[in-house]
Each structure stands twice: as structure tokens, then as C-alpha cells.
């Protein structure tokens, strides 16, 4: 069996391998300049170049694997899904994740912590830029290639869990290790909460919308953008480790609760053509 045949028979595995090889190999170069956890401690500017280049792994892999498996028709199909914008009221779904994320600073304010609206407003433009960039780097892979192929083999529930664990557990887990590693069990707990738990919860919401918008990759792109944007805009500053873990767990729990409510009570069967 030659390589082309093997790739055609194993598109999911091929996609995952390409994604991890690209991102991990580039991100690992940052350890020439920083220690784990050093990404948030005024690192050399070159590290941000590695962050961006490695971050394109999911999208580049989605495009490459589509081309290898399906030829030009695969690339055209991917592009056609990015052009699906007539989804009616489903555009309102872009607001779901920011609204859930905004509950954390609101709850902190109700609990007696200060609410710095000025700081959040100052992050509005950087947050939008971050979100639009992150969506471009990733969504041609996660919802562009991986989820549709998993749905061919598994139920929507199983496909969503696998997407969340690969996205949040494997890929994002390593990225989070670079950003917040180096603190032992504290880092491990935060990485688990912010990676596989949180992103799997968001994956359920994205799958819910995906199933009802003809697999609109454009809407998935903007929903992914809303994840990154709202994380920066509504991000909180913590005075100690216990506070950070507590509120990270609360924030993640809100996302899980939103996913459970939507999946159980609003996910009507998708009409079959």
C-alpha cells in the first residue's frame, strides 16, 4: 500500500498527525527562548511568531488533507462551506459563548470583587483581532475537516466529544502548557479545565449550530472567534492561585452547563432531506 492510498483510507488520522506535527514542532522552538509558563511573562518578540505559525496547524492540515484525499474538489467543497452565510436567525448563536463567558465577571462582582469595565473595554479591539485570527488559524480544520469526517463514523455526541478532546486535550493542551505550565499540579488542573473540559463544552454548542446551518464554516469561524475574543475581553486578574482555580472552575462549569442545557432541551432532531 502506497502513502497516497493509506492517506485516502485514514483521513482522520492523517489530519490529526499533520496538525500535531506542524503545531508541536513549531511551538517547541519557543523553549529555546522561554521556560514552560513563560509565554505570559514578557517573552522575546520572536516567540509570538512561533505562536502564530504553529497556530495555523489545524487550518493548514485541513486544507492539505482535503487536497490529498479529495483533490481540487475537496478544496472547492471546503471553500463552498465557508461561503454559506444565509443561515437566518442562527447568526444570533455567535452571541451565546460571549454571554456565557461574561457571566464570570458578573458573578465575581456579585461576590464582592471589583468590576473593571474600563479594562474590559480596553481589550475589545485586541480581543476582536485575536478572535478573528484564531478562527482563521483553526476552523478550516476542526469544523472544516475533522468534525464532518467524524460524523461519518460516529454519532453527533461521540463526534463532538472526540473533536473537543483532540482540539482541547491534545492540541490546545500543549499550547496551554507553554502558556501556563511550570506550576506543577496547578498548571495541570488549569490546563485540563481550560482545554479538554472547556473546549469540549464549546464543541457541543458549535456542533449544535453546525448541524442546523448546512455545516456553515463561516458561522463556525465567527463562533470560534467569539471564544477567543470573549476569553480576552472578559478575562480576570486573580490575586492568588486558589482564587484562579476557583473562578476558572466556575467559568468552565458555566460553559458545561450551557452545553448540557442546549444539547438536552434545544437540540431537536435535524430534518433529513
C-alpha atoms as a PDB file:
ATOM      1  CA  UNK A   1       0.000   0.000   0.000  1.00  0.00           C
ATOM      2  CA  UNK A   2       1.499   3.355  -1.040  1.00  0.00           C
ATOM      3  CA  UNK A   3       1.271   6.523   1.032  1.00  0.00           C
ATOM      4  CA  UNK A   4      -1.468   8.123  -1.066  1.00  0.00           C
ATOM      5  CA  UNK A   5      -3.710   5.082  -0.646  1.00  0.00           C
ATOM      6  CA  UNK A   6      -3.052   4.963   3.098  1.00  0.00           C
ATOM      7  CA  UNK A   7      -3.961   8.652   3.480  1.00  0.00           C
ATOM      8  CA  UNK A   8      -7.165   8.139   1.493  1.00  0.00           C
ATOM      9  CA  UNK A   9      -8.142   5.266   3.796  1.00  0.00           C
ATOM     10  CA  UNK A  10      -7.254   7.112   7.000  1.00  0.00           C
ATOM     11  CA  UNK A  11      -8.193  10.788   6.502  1.00  0.00           C
ATOM     12  CA  UNK A  12      -8.954  11.462  10.193  1.00  0.00           C
ATOM     13  CA  UNK A  13      -5.680  10.017  11.437  1.00  0.00           C
ATOM     14  CA  UNK A  14      -3.809  11.834   8.662  1.00  0.00           C
ATOM     15  CA  UNK A  15      -5.410  15.134   9.632  1.00  0.00           C
ATOM     16  CA  UNK A  16      -4.533  14.705  13.303  1.00  0.00           C
ATOM     17  CA  UNK A  17      -0.922  13.737  12.574  1.00  0.00           C
ATOM     18  CA  UNK A  18      -0.398  16.656  10.180  1.00  0.00           C
ATOM     19  CA  UNK A  19      -1.910  19.104  12.667  1.00  0.00           C
ATOM     20  CA  UNK A  20       0.134  17.954  15.640  1.00  0.00           C
ATOM     21  CA  UNK A  21       3.381  17.666  13.690  1.00  0.00           C
ATOM     22  CA  UNK A  22       3.083  21.173  12.306  1.00  0.00           C
ATOM     23  CA  UNK A  23       1.978  22.914  15.511  1.00  0.00           C
ATOM     24  CA  UNK A  24       4.058  20.992  18.036  1.00  0.00           C
ATOM     25  CA  UNK A  25       7.288  21.182  16.058  1.00  0.00           C
ATOM     26  CA  UNK A  26       6.997  24.957  15.649  1.00  0.00           C
ATOM     27  CA  UNK A  27       5.746  25.661  19.163  1.00  0.00           C
ATOM     28  CA  UNK A  28       8.550  23.575  20.644  1.00  0.00           C
ATOM     29  CA  UNK A  29      11.051  26.064  19.215  1.00  0.00           C
ATOM     30  CA  UNK A  30       9.803  28.537  21.811  1.00  0.00           C
ATOM     31  CA  UNK A  31      11.585  26.524  24.504  1.00  0.00           C
ATOM     32  CA  UNK A  32      14.827  27.863  23.053  1.00  0.00           C
ATOM     33  CA  UNK A  33      13.774  31.232  24.478  1.00  0.00           C
ATOM     34  CA  UNK A  34      11.371  30.587  27.363  1.00  0.00           C
ATOM     35  CA  UNK A  35      10.500  28.047  30.028  1.00  0.00           C
ATOM     36  CA  UNK A  36       7.021  26.462  30.325  1.00  0.00           C
ATOM     37  CA  UNK A  37       4.680  29.187  31.516  1.00  0.00           C
ATOM     38  CA  UNK A  38       6.964  31.917  30.219  1.00  0.00           C
ATOM     39  CA  UNK A  39       4.705  32.969  27.366  1.00  0.00           C
ATOM     40  CA  UNK A  40       2.805  35.306  29.701  1.00  0.00           C
ATOM     41  CA  UNK A  41       5.946  36.816  31.258  1.00  0.00           C
ATOM     42  CA  UNK A  42       7.220  39.300  28.660  1.00  0.00           C
ATOM     43  CA  UNK A  43       8.876  36.746  26.339  1.00  0.00           C
ATOM     44  CA  UNK A  44      11.113  37.740  23.422  1.00  0.00           C
ATOM     45  CA  UNK A  45       9.033  39.001  20.451  1.00  0.00           C
ATOM     46  CA  UNK A  46      10.136  36.076  18.280  1.00  0.00           C
ATOM     47  CA  UNK A  47       8.070  33.708  20.426  1.00  0.00           C
ATOM     48  CA  UNK A  48       4.883  35.341  19.155  1.00  0.00           C
ATOM     49  CA  UNK A  49       5.917  34.481  15.609  1.00  0.00           C
ATOM     50  CA  UNK A  50       6.121  30.834  16.649  1.00  0.00           C
ATOM     51  CA  UNK A  51       2.715  31.116  18.352  1.00  0.00           C
ATOM     52  CA  UNK A  52       1.071  32.334  15.150  1.00  0.00           C
ATOM     53  CA  UNK A  53       2.888  29.996  12.755  1.00  0.00           C
ATOM     54  CA  UNK A  54       2.162  26.959  14.916  1.00  0.00           C
ATOM     55  CA  UNK A  55      -1.404  28.080  15.427  1.00  0.00           C
ATOM     56  CA  UNK A  56      -2.144  27.650  11.733  1.00  0.00           C
ATOM     57  CA  UNK A  57      -1.669  23.887  12.077  1.00  0.00           C
ATOM     58  CA  UNK A  58      -5.377  22.936  12.141  1.00  0.00           C
ATOM     59  CA  UNK A  59      -6.326  25.020   9.104  1.00  0.00           C
ATOM     60  CA  UNK A  60      -3.258  24.098   7.059  1.00  0.00           C
ATOM     61  CA  UNK A  61      -3.808  20.446   7.853  1.00  0.00           C
ATOM     62  CA  UNK A  62      -7.497  20.699   6.923  1.00  0.00           C
ATOM     63  CA  UNK A  63      -6.627  22.220   3.561  1.00  0.00           C
ATOM     64  CA  UNK A  64      -3.745  19.835   2.875  1.00  0.00           C
ATOM     65  CA  UNK A  65      -5.635  16.691   3.857  1.00  0.00           C
ATOM     66  CA  UNK A  66      -8.671  17.769   1.810  1.00  0.00           C
ATOM     67  CA  UNK A  67      -6.412  18.216  -1.205  1.00  0.00           C
ATOM     68  CA  UNK A  68      -4.647  14.881  -0.731  1.00  0.00           C
ATOM     69  CA  UNK A  69      -7.821  12.877  -0.152  1.00  0.00           C
ATOM     70  CA  UNK A  70     -10.318  14.580  -2.490  1.00  0.00           C
ATOM     71  CA  UNK A  71      -8.220  16.649  -4.881  1.00  0.00           C
ATOM     72  CA  UNK A  72      -9.330  20.070  -6.049  1.00  0.00           C
ATOM     73  CA  UNK A  73     -12.951  19.091  -5.483  1.00  0.00           C
ATOM     74  CA  UNK A  74     -12.198  18.765  -1.783  1.00  0.00           C
ATOM     75  CA  UNK A  75     -10.769  22.268  -1.622  1.00  0.00           C
ATOM     76  CA  UNK A  76     -13.765  23.622  -3.525  1.00  0.00           C
ATOM     77  CA  UNK A  77     -16.161  21.898  -1.144  1.00  0.00           C
ATOM     78  CA  UNK A  78     -14.310  23.404   1.825  1.00  0.00           C
ATOM     79  CA  UNK A  79     -14.485  26.862   0.285  1.00  0.00           C
ATOM     80  CA  UNK A  80     -18.168  26.456  -0.597  1.00  0.00           C
ATOM     81  CA  UNK A  81     -18.965  25.744   3.049  1.00  0.00           C
ATOM     82  CA  UNK A  82     -17.089  28.884   4.058  1.00  0.00           C
ATOM     83  CA  UNK A  83     -19.417  30.821   1.751  1.00  0.00           C
ATOM     84  CA  UNK A  84     -22.608  29.607   3.443  1.00  0.00           C
ATOM     85  CA  UNK A  85     -23.860  32.794   5.060  1.00  0.00           C
ATOM     86  CA  UNK A  86     -27.627  32.524   4.591  1.00  0.00           C
ATOM     87  CA  UNK A  87     -28.377  30.889   7.935  1.00  0.00           C
ATOM     88  CA  UNK A  88     -31.077  33.261   9.160  1.00  0.00           C
ATOM     89  CA  UNK A  89     -31.557  33.560  12.905  1.00  0.00           C
ATOM     90  CA  UNK A  90     -28.653  31.198  13.549  1.00  0.00           C
ATOM     91  CA  UNK A  91     -26.316  34.174  13.302  1.00  0.00           C
ATOM     92  CA  UNK A  92     -27.549  35.014  16.800  1.00  0.00           C
ATOM     93  CA  UNK A  93     -25.716  31.894  18.001  1.00  0.00           C
ATOM     94  CA  UNK A  94     -22.488  33.927  17.796  1.00  0.00           C
ATOM     95  CA  UNK A  95     -23.657  35.697  20.966  1.00  0.00           C
ATOM     96  CA  UNK A  96     -24.056  32.551  23.073  1.00  0.00           C
ATOM     97  CA  UNK A  97     -20.422  31.983  24.055  1.00  0.00           C
ATOM     98  CA  UNK A  98     -19.654  35.656  24.863  1.00  0.00           C
ATOM     99  CA  UNK A  99     -22.804  35.858  27.009  1.00  0.00           C
ATOM    100  CA  UNK A 100     -21.831  32.736  28.955  1.00  0.00           C
ATOM    101  CA  UNK A 101     -18.237  33.956  29.334  1.00  0.00           C
ATOM    102  CA  UNK A 102     -19.431  37.357  30.570  1.00  0.00           C
ATOM    103  CA  UNK A 103     -21.220  35.674  33.481  1.00  0.00           C
ATOM    104  CA  UNK A 104     -17.893  35.123  35.264  1.00  0.00           C
ATOM    105  CA  UNK A 105     -17.023  38.805  35.851  1.00  0.00           C
ATOM    106  CA  UNK A 106     -20.678  39.427  36.695  1.00  0.00           C
ATOM    107  CA  UNK A 107     -20.694  36.686  39.324  1.00  0.00           C
ATOM    108  CA  UNK A 108     -17.388  37.934  40.702  1.00  0.00           C
ATOM    109  CA  UNK A 109     -18.887  41.405  41.040  1.00  0.00           C
ATOM    110  CA  UNK A 110     -21.903  39.981  42.844  1.00  0.00           C
ATOM    111  CA  UNK A 111     -19.488  38.142  45.137  1.00  0.00           C
ATOM    112  CA  UNK A 112     -17.827  41.420  46.085  1.00  0.00           C
ATOM    113  CA  UNK A 113     -14.895  41.583  43.686  1.00  0.00           C
ATOM    114  CA  UNK A 114     -14.325  44.834  41.735  1.00  0.00           C
ATOM    115  CA  UNK A 115     -15.686  45.006  38.197  1.00  0.00           C
ATOM    116  CA  UNK A 116     -13.233  46.830  35.953  1.00  0.00           C
ATOM    117  CA  UNK A 117     -15.350  47.756  32.944  1.00  0.00           C
ATOM    118  CA  UNK A 118     -12.608  50.032  31.646  1.00  0.00           C
ATOM    119  CA  UNK A 119     -10.149  47.155  31.480  1.00  0.00           C
ATOM    120  CA  UNK A 120     -12.650  45.029  29.578  1.00  0.00           C
ATOM    121  CA  UNK A 121     -13.382  47.840  27.110  1.00  0.00           C
ATOM    122  CA  UNK A 122      -9.654  48.306  26.548  1.00  0.00           C
ATOM    123  CA  UNK A 123      -9.457  44.676  25.413  1.00  0.00           C
ATOM    124  CA  UNK A 124     -12.312  44.992  22.921  1.00  0.00           C
ATOM    125  CA  UNK A 125     -10.237  45.713  19.805  1.00  0.00           C
ATOM    126  CA  UNK A 126      -7.356  43.345  20.723  1.00  0.00           C
ATOM    127  CA  UNK A 127      -9.963  40.703  21.554  1.00  0.00           C
ATOM    128  CA  UNK A 128     -11.689  41.050  18.188  1.00  0.00           C
ATOM    129  CA  UNK A 129      -8.361  40.862  16.360  1.00  0.00           C
ATOM    130  CA  UNK A 130      -7.335  37.803  18.377  1.00  0.00           C
ATOM    131  CA  UNK A 131     -10.660  36.077  17.744  1.00  0.00           C
ATOM    132  CA  UNK A 132     -10.738  36.673  14.004  1.00  0.00           C
ATOM    133  CA  UNK A 133      -7.136  35.489  13.724  1.00  0.00           C
ATOM    134  CA  UNK A 134      -7.678  32.374  15.856  1.00  0.00           C
ATOM    135  CA  UNK A 135     -10.770  31.395  13.865  1.00  0.00           C
ATOM    136  CA  UNK A 136      -8.806  31.627  10.623  1.00  0.00           C
ATOM    137  CA  UNK A 137      -5.934  29.585  12.054  1.00  0.00           C
ATOM    138  CA  UNK A 138      -8.149  26.739  13.251  1.00  0.00           C
ATOM    139  CA  UNK A 139     -11.654  26.382  11.856  1.00  0.00           C
ATOM    140  CA  UNK A 140     -10.806  25.087   8.387  1.00  0.00           C
ATOM    141  CA  UNK A 141      -9.501  22.155  10.391  1.00  0.00           C
ATOM    142  CA  UNK A 142     -11.764  21.463  13.370  1.00  0.00           C
ATOM    143  CA  UNK A 143     -15.172  22.086  11.826  1.00  0.00           C
ATOM    144  CA  UNK A 144     -13.906  22.240   8.257  1.00  0.00           C
ATOM    145  CA  UNK A 145     -12.380  18.764   8.156  1.00  0.00           C
ATOM    146  CA  UNK A 146     -12.334  16.867  11.453  1.00  0.00           C
ATOM    147  CA  UNK A 147     -15.950  17.118  12.630  1.00  0.00           C
ATOM    148  CA  UNK A 148     -17.537  16.270   9.242  1.00  0.00           C
ATOM    149  CA  UNK A 149     -15.353  13.175   8.934  1.00  0.00           C
ATOM    150  CA  UNK A 150     -16.041  12.047  12.493  1.00  0.00           C
ATOM    151  CA  UNK A 151     -19.785  12.455  11.851  1.00  0.00           C
ATOM    152  CA  UNK A 152     -19.471   9.945   9.016  1.00  0.00           C
ATOM    153  CA  UNK A 153     -18.354   7.277  11.503  1.00  0.00           C
ATOM    154  CA  UNK A 154     -19.846   8.268  14.867  1.00  0.00           C
ATOM    155  CA  UNK A 155     -22.952   9.744  16.429  1.00  0.00           C
ATOM    156  CA  UNK A 156     -23.042  13.556  16.834  1.00  0.00           C
ATOM    157  CA  UNK A 157     -22.393  13.123  20.569  1.00  0.00           C
ATOM    158  CA  UNK A 158     -19.333  10.910  20.092  1.00  0.00           C
ATOM    159  CA  UNK A 159     -18.015  13.005  17.194  1.00  0.00           C
ATOM    160  CA  UNK A 160     -18.317  16.150  19.299  1.00  0.00           C
ATOM    161  CA  UNK A 161     -16.539  14.618  22.285  1.00  0.00           C
ATOM    162  CA  UNK A 162     -13.699  13.411  20.061  1.00  0.00           C
ATOM    163  CA  UNK A 163     -13.407  16.816  18.401  1.00  0.00           C
ATOM    164  CA  UNK A 164     -13.302  18.521  21.784  1.00  0.00           C
ATOM    165  CA  UNK A 165     -10.692  16.171  23.201  1.00  0.00           C
ATOM    166  CA  UNK A 166      -8.442  16.377  20.136  1.00  0.00           C
ATOM    167  CA  UNK A 167      -8.846  20.150  19.908  1.00  0.00           C
ATOM    168  CA  UNK A 168      -8.793  20.960  23.608  1.00  0.00           C
ATOM    169  CA  UNK A 169      -6.943  17.985  25.065  1.00  0.00           C
ATOM    170  CA  UNK A 170      -4.148  17.278  22.586  1.00  0.00           C
ATOM    171  CA  UNK A 171      -3.643  20.407  20.520  1.00  0.00           C
ATOM    172  CA  UNK A 172      -4.685  23.164  22.909  1.00  0.00           C
ATOM    173  CA  UNK A 173      -3.310  21.276  25.883  1.00  0.00           C
ATOM    174  CA  UNK A 174       0.231  21.669  24.577  1.00  0.00           C
ATOM    175  CA  UNK A 175      -0.377  25.332  23.785  1.00  0.00           C
ATOM    176  CA  UNK A 176      -1.670  25.890  27.317  1.00  0.00           C
ATOM    177  CA  UNK A 177       1.354  24.092  28.744  1.00  0.00           C
ATOM    178  CA  UNK A 178       3.585  26.620  27.012  1.00  0.00           C
ATOM    179  CA  UNK A 179       1.464  29.468  28.324  1.00  0.00           C
ATOM    180  CA  UNK A 180       0.659  28.418  31.899  1.00  0.00           C
ATOM    181  CA  UNK A 181       2.919  25.417  32.575  1.00  0.00           C
ATOM    182  CA  UNK A 182       5.652  25.181  35.146  1.00  0.00           C
ATOM    183  CA  UNK A 183       3.404  25.261  38.229  1.00  0.00           C
ATOM    184  CA  UNK A 184       3.047  21.545  38.872  1.00  0.00           C
ATOM    185  CA  UNK A 185      -0.439  20.307  39.742  1.00  0.00           C
ATOM    186  CA  UNK A 186      -1.820  23.845  39.482  1.00  0.00           C
ATOM    187  CA  UNK A 187      -0.817  24.035  35.819  1.00  0.00           C
ATOM    188  CA  UNK A 188      -2.198  20.563  35.167  1.00  0.00           C
ATOM    189  CA  UNK A 189      -5.556  21.438  36.699  1.00  0.00           C
ATOM    190  CA  UNK A 190      -5.834  24.724  34.812  1.00  0.00           C
ATOM    191  CA  UNK A 191      -4.803  23.075  31.532  1.00  0.00           C
ATOM    192  CA  UNK A 192      -7.469  20.379  31.954  1.00  0.00           C
ATOM    193  CA  UNK A 193     -10.156  22.932  32.794  1.00  0.00           C
ATOM    194  CA  UNK A 194      -9.270  25.365  30.003  1.00  0.00           C
ATOM    195  CA  UNK A 195      -8.523  22.690  27.400  1.00  0.00           C
ATOM    196  CA  UNK A 196     -10.456  19.414  27.204  1.00  0.00           C
ATOM    197  CA  UNK A 197     -13.271  20.449  29.575  1.00  0.00           C
ATOM    198  CA  UNK A 198     -13.997  23.974  28.347  1.00  0.00           C
ATOM    199  CA  UNK A 199     -13.385  23.381  24.644  1.00  0.00           C
ATOM    200  CA  UNK A 200     -15.398  20.169  24.627  1.00  0.00           C
ATOM    201  CA  UNK A 201     -18.286  22.132  26.134  1.00  0.00           C
ATOM    202  CA  UNK A 202     -17.949  24.772  23.430  1.00  0.00           C
ATOM    203  CA  UNK A 203     -17.693  21.975  20.847  1.00  0.00           C
ATOM    204  CA  UNK A 204     -21.187  20.788  21.751  1.00  0.00           C
ATOM    205  CA  UNK A 205     -22.552  24.264  21.101  1.00  0.00           C
ATOM    206  CA  UNK A 206     -20.677  24.536  17.805  1.00  0.00           C
ATOM    207  CA  UNK A 207     -21.911  21.106  16.680  1.00  0.00           C
ATOM    208  CA  UNK A 208     -25.476  22.079  17.579  1.00  0.00           C
ATOM    209  CA  UNK A 209     -25.197  25.099  15.275  1.00  0.00           C
ATOM    210  CA  UNK A 210     -23.221  23.210  12.623  1.00  0.00           C
ATOM    211  CA  UNK A 211     -25.958  20.614  12.241  1.00  0.00           C
ATOM    212  CA  UNK A 212     -28.571  23.311  11.615  1.00  0.00           C
ATOM    213  CA  UNK A 213     -26.685  25.531   9.179  1.00  0.00           C
ATOM    214  CA  UNK A 214     -25.714  23.054   6.455  1.00  0.00           C
ATOM    215  CA  UNK A 215     -22.273  22.850   8.021  1.00  0.00           C
ATOM    216  CA  UNK A 216     -21.629  26.568   7.553  1.00  0.00           C
ATOM    217  CA  UNK A 217     -17.906  27.010   8.037  1.00  0.00           C
ATOM    218  CA  UNK A 218     -18.340  30.779   8.002  1.00  0.00           C
ATOM    219  CA  UNK A 219     -20.564  30.699  11.065  1.00  0.00           C
ATOM    220  CA  UNK A 220     -18.233  28.201  12.752  1.00  0.00           C
ATOM    221  CA  UNK A 221     -15.383  30.643  12.075  1.00  0.00           C
ATOM    222  CA  UNK A 222     -17.191  33.508  13.781  1.00  0.00           C
ATOM    223  CA  UNK A 223     -18.255  31.314  16.684  1.00  0.00           C
ATOM    224  CA  UNK A 224     -14.660  30.240  17.191  1.00  0.00           C
ATOM    225  CA  UNK A 225     -13.683  33.902  17.028  1.00  0.00           C
ATOM    226  CA  UNK A 226     -16.201  34.602  19.792  1.00  0.00           C
ATOM    227  CA  UNK A 227     -14.466  32.042  22.034  1.00  0.00           C
ATOM    228  CA  UNK A 228     -11.050  33.687  21.791  1.00  0.00           C
ATOM    229  CA  UNK A 229     -12.401  37.236  21.805  1.00  0.00           C
ATOM    230  CA  UNK A 230     -14.579  36.804  24.869  1.00  0.00           C
ATOM    231  CA  UNK A 231     -11.803  34.956  26.729  1.00  0.00           C
ATOM    232  CA  UNK A 232      -9.560  38.002  26.384  1.00  0.00           C
ATOM    233  CA  UNK A 233     -12.216  40.685  26.860  1.00  0.00           C
ATOM    234  CA  UNK A 234     -13.781  39.099  29.946  1.00  0.00           C
ATOM    235  CA  UNK A 235     -10.569  37.608  31.304  1.00  0.00           C
ATOM    236  CA  UNK A 236      -9.979  38.219  35.006  1.00  0.00           C
ATOM    237  CA  UNK A 237      -6.924  39.019  37.111  1.00  0.00           C
ATOM    238  CA  UNK A 238      -6.539  36.859  40.211  1.00  0.00           C
ATOM    239  CA  UNK A 239      -4.666  37.662  43.405  1.00  0.00           C
ATOM    240  CA  UNK A 240      -3.731  34.071  44.291  1.00  0.00           C
ATOM    241  CA  UNK A 241      -3.758  30.503  42.979  1.00  0.00           C
ATOM    242  CA  UNK A 242      -6.807  29.378  44.940  1.00  0.00           C
ATOM    243  CA  UNK A 243      -8.845  32.242  43.538  1.00  0.00           C
ATOM    244  CA  UNK A 244      -7.707  31.496  39.993  1.00  0.00           C
ATOM    245  CA  UNK A 245      -8.567  27.801  40.244  1.00  0.00           C
ATOM    246  CA  UNK A 246     -11.935  28.506  41.865  1.00  0.00           C
ATOM    247  CA  UNK A 247     -13.094  31.002  39.275  1.00  0.00           C
ATOM    248  CA  UNK A 248     -11.654  29.054  36.367  1.00  0.00           C
ATOM    249  CA  UNK A 249     -13.677  26.059  37.574  1.00  0.00           C
ATOM    250  CA  UNK A 250     -16.799  28.231  37.890  1.00  0.00           C
ATOM    251  CA  UNK A 251     -16.308  29.706  34.429  1.00  0.00           C
ATOM    252  CA  UNK A 252     -15.763  26.265  32.922  1.00  0.00           C
ATOM    253  CA  UNK A 253     -18.760  24.914  34.802  1.00  0.00           C
ATOM    254  CA  UNK A 254     -20.966  27.615  33.278  1.00  0.00           C
ATOM    255  CA  UNK A 255     -19.838  26.561  29.800  1.00  0.00           C
ATOM    256  CA  UNK A 256     -20.567  22.910  30.574  1.00  0.00           C
ATOM    257  CA  UNK A 257     -23.984  23.849  31.965  1.00  0.00           C
ATOM    258  CA  UNK A 258     -24.808  25.850  28.829  1.00  0.00           C
ATOM    259  CA  UNK A 259     -23.769  22.926  26.617  1.00  0.00           C
ATOM    260  CA  UNK A 260     -25.852  20.452  28.632  1.00  0.00           C
ATOM    261  CA  UNK A 261     -28.948  22.668  28.543  1.00  0.00           C
ATOM    262  CA  UNK A 262     -28.671  23.258  24.805  1.00  0.00           C
ATOM    263  CA  UNK A 263     -27.932  19.622  23.996  1.00  0.00           C
ATOM    264  CA  UNK A 264     -30.736  18.231  26.149  1.00  0.00           C
ATOM    265  CA  UNK A 265     -33.508  20.785  25.684  1.00  0.00           C
ATOM    266  CA  UNK A 266     -32.898  22.660  22.426  1.00  0.00           C
ATOM    267  CA  UNK A 267     -31.380  20.030  20.183  1.00  0.00           C
ATOM    268  CA  UNK A 268     -34.351  18.846  18.168  1.00  0.00           C
ATOM    269  CA  UNK A 269     -33.658  16.200  15.509  1.00  0.00           C
ATOM    270  CA  UNK A 270     -32.225  17.620  12.301  1.00  0.00           C
ATOM    271  CA  UNK A 271     -34.696  17.194   9.397  1.00  0.00           C
ATOM    272  CA  UNK A 272     -33.470  14.647   6.894  1.00  0.00           C
ATOM    273  CA  UNK A 273     -33.541  15.559   3.220  1.00  0.00           C
END
